[in-house]
Protein backbone atom coordinates (compact mmCIF):
# COMPACT_ATOMS: atom_id res chain seq x y z
CA MET A 1 -168.63 -76.75 38.80
CA SER A 2 -168.80 -80.16 40.32
CA GLU A 3 -165.81 -82.09 39.97
CA HIS A 4 -165.63 -85.86 38.63
CA THR A 5 -163.45 -88.85 38.09
CA PRO A 6 -161.20 -87.46 35.38
CA GLY A 7 -160.97 -89.65 31.85
CA PRO A 8 -159.85 -91.59 30.41
CA LEU A 9 -162.30 -94.26 31.55
CA GLU A 10 -162.45 -97.92 30.52
CA PHE A 11 -164.42 -100.74 31.23
CA TYR A 12 -164.25 -104.57 31.90
CA SER A 13 -166.82 -107.50 32.58
CA ASP A 14 -166.56 -108.98 35.74
CA GLU A 15 -167.07 -113.04 36.15
CA TYR A 16 -170.89 -111.86 36.85
CA GLY A 17 -171.29 -110.27 33.53
CA CYS A 18 -171.64 -106.55 35.17
CA ARG A 19 -169.42 -104.39 33.88
CA GLU A 20 -167.33 -102.04 36.02
CA ILE A 21 -165.77 -98.49 35.18
CA PHE A 22 -162.76 -97.66 36.36
CA PRO A 23 -160.15 -95.05 35.40
CA THR A 24 -157.81 -96.01 32.90
CA ALA A 25 -154.63 -95.88 35.26
CA LEU A 26 -156.09 -98.07 37.99
CA ILE A 27 -158.04 -100.42 36.06
CA HIS A 28 -155.30 -103.43 37.03
CA SER A 29 -155.00 -102.21 40.52
CA SER A 30 -157.22 -103.18 43.63
CA SER A 31 -159.14 -100.10 43.58
CA ARG A 32 -162.74 -100.04 43.08
CA GLU A 33 -164.74 -98.84 40.19
CA ILE A 34 -166.16 -95.50 40.30
CA CYS A 35 -169.51 -97.68 38.93
CA SER A 36 -170.84 -100.63 36.98
CA THR A 37 -173.57 -101.28 34.77
CA CYS A 38 -174.98 -104.12 36.30
CA GLY A 39 -178.46 -106.55 36.75
CA LEU A 40 -179.72 -105.57 33.36
CA PHE A 41 -182.21 -107.84 32.08
CA ASN A 42 -180.50 -106.98 28.76
CA ASP A 43 -177.01 -107.64 27.95
CA ALA A 44 -176.15 -105.68 24.78
CA GLU A 45 -178.11 -102.13 26.77
CA ASP A 46 -175.58 -103.05 29.53
CA ARG A 47 -172.82 -102.54 27.24
CA ALA A 48 -173.62 -99.62 25.63
CA ASN A 49 -174.58 -98.27 28.90
CA ALA A 50 -170.51 -98.78 29.99
CA ARG A 51 -169.46 -97.57 27.18
CA LEU A 52 -171.45 -94.23 27.21
CA ILE A 53 -170.41 -93.58 30.90
CA ALA A 54 -166.64 -94.73 29.99
CA ALA A 55 -166.26 -92.21 27.11
CA ALA A 56 -168.06 -89.31 28.87
CA PRO A 57 -164.89 -87.47 30.06
CA GLU A 58 -163.90 -87.36 26.66
CA MET A 59 -167.02 -86.03 25.46
CA LEU A 60 -167.02 -83.40 28.13
CA ASP A 61 -163.62 -82.19 27.02
CA ALA A 62 -165.01 -82.49 23.12
CA LEU A 63 -167.84 -80.39 23.77
CA LYS A 64 -166.09 -77.69 25.78
CA PHE A 65 -163.00 -77.65 23.10
CA ILE A 66 -166.43 -76.93 20.33
CA TYR A 67 -168.30 -74.94 23.26
CA ASP A 68 -165.04 -72.45 22.81
CA HIS A 69 -164.61 -72.29 19.55
CA ILE A 70 -168.19 -71.44 18.33
CA ALA A 71 -168.94 -69.28 20.50
CA ASP A 72 -167.99 -65.97 21.01
CA LYS A 73 -168.95 -64.75 24.33
CA GLU A 74 -168.89 -60.92 23.09
CA ARG A 75 -171.07 -61.01 19.90
CA GLY A 76 -172.77 -64.12 19.89
CA PRO A 77 -172.16 -67.71 18.43
CA ARG A 78 -170.10 -67.93 15.41
CA ASP A 79 -171.63 -68.66 11.60
CA LEU A 80 -168.46 -70.82 11.03
CA TYR A 81 -170.05 -73.08 8.43
CA PRO A 82 -173.38 -71.83 6.74
CA ALA A 83 -172.55 -74.15 3.66
CA PHE A 84 -173.24 -77.22 5.99
CA GLY A 85 -176.58 -75.40 7.17
CA LEU A 86 -175.06 -75.19 10.99
CA ASP A 87 -177.35 -73.36 12.74
CA ALA A 88 -174.62 -72.35 15.45
CA GLN A 89 -177.40 -70.34 18.05
CA LYS A 90 -178.68 -74.07 18.28
CA ALA A 91 -175.40 -75.50 18.39
CA VAL A 92 -174.41 -73.17 21.28
CA GLY A 93 -177.22 -73.35 22.81
CA MET A 94 -177.27 -77.61 23.03
CA THR A 95 -173.57 -77.31 23.83
CA ARG A 96 -173.92 -75.34 26.92
CA ALA A 97 -176.84 -76.99 28.58
CA ALA A 98 -174.97 -80.41 27.71
CA ILE A 99 -171.89 -79.34 29.64
CA ALA A 100 -174.56 -77.68 32.38
CA LYS A 101 -175.73 -81.01 32.91
CA ALA A 102 -172.34 -82.72 33.19
CA THR A 103 -171.14 -80.34 35.38
CA GLY A 104 -173.72 -79.36 37.27
CA ASP A 105 -173.05 -75.80 36.61
CA SER A 106 -175.87 -73.74 35.67
CA ASN A 107 -173.71 -71.08 34.85
CA ALA A 108 -171.86 -73.09 32.10
């Protein structure tokens, strides 16, 4: 499984309008950003991309939590919410695929 910068992450706008994403613990240090969203022509899209990147570690943790609670590795997906029409098999597959994409792990 690939490693990533642990969250939480935050972003701020610099004096040039770029959004720089930092680990929260390092945002006020002289440390460099882990990435920036800069140079887009659409400011709203640039800000949305920065928010999405900054939220990624928490989203990955949430997906792992959900996967662990709906996927029964021995019996298949748990049918926890039939009243809401949740397709547990589809939820497990989508969650597993998103975790694999985020971690680079084809066995997720």
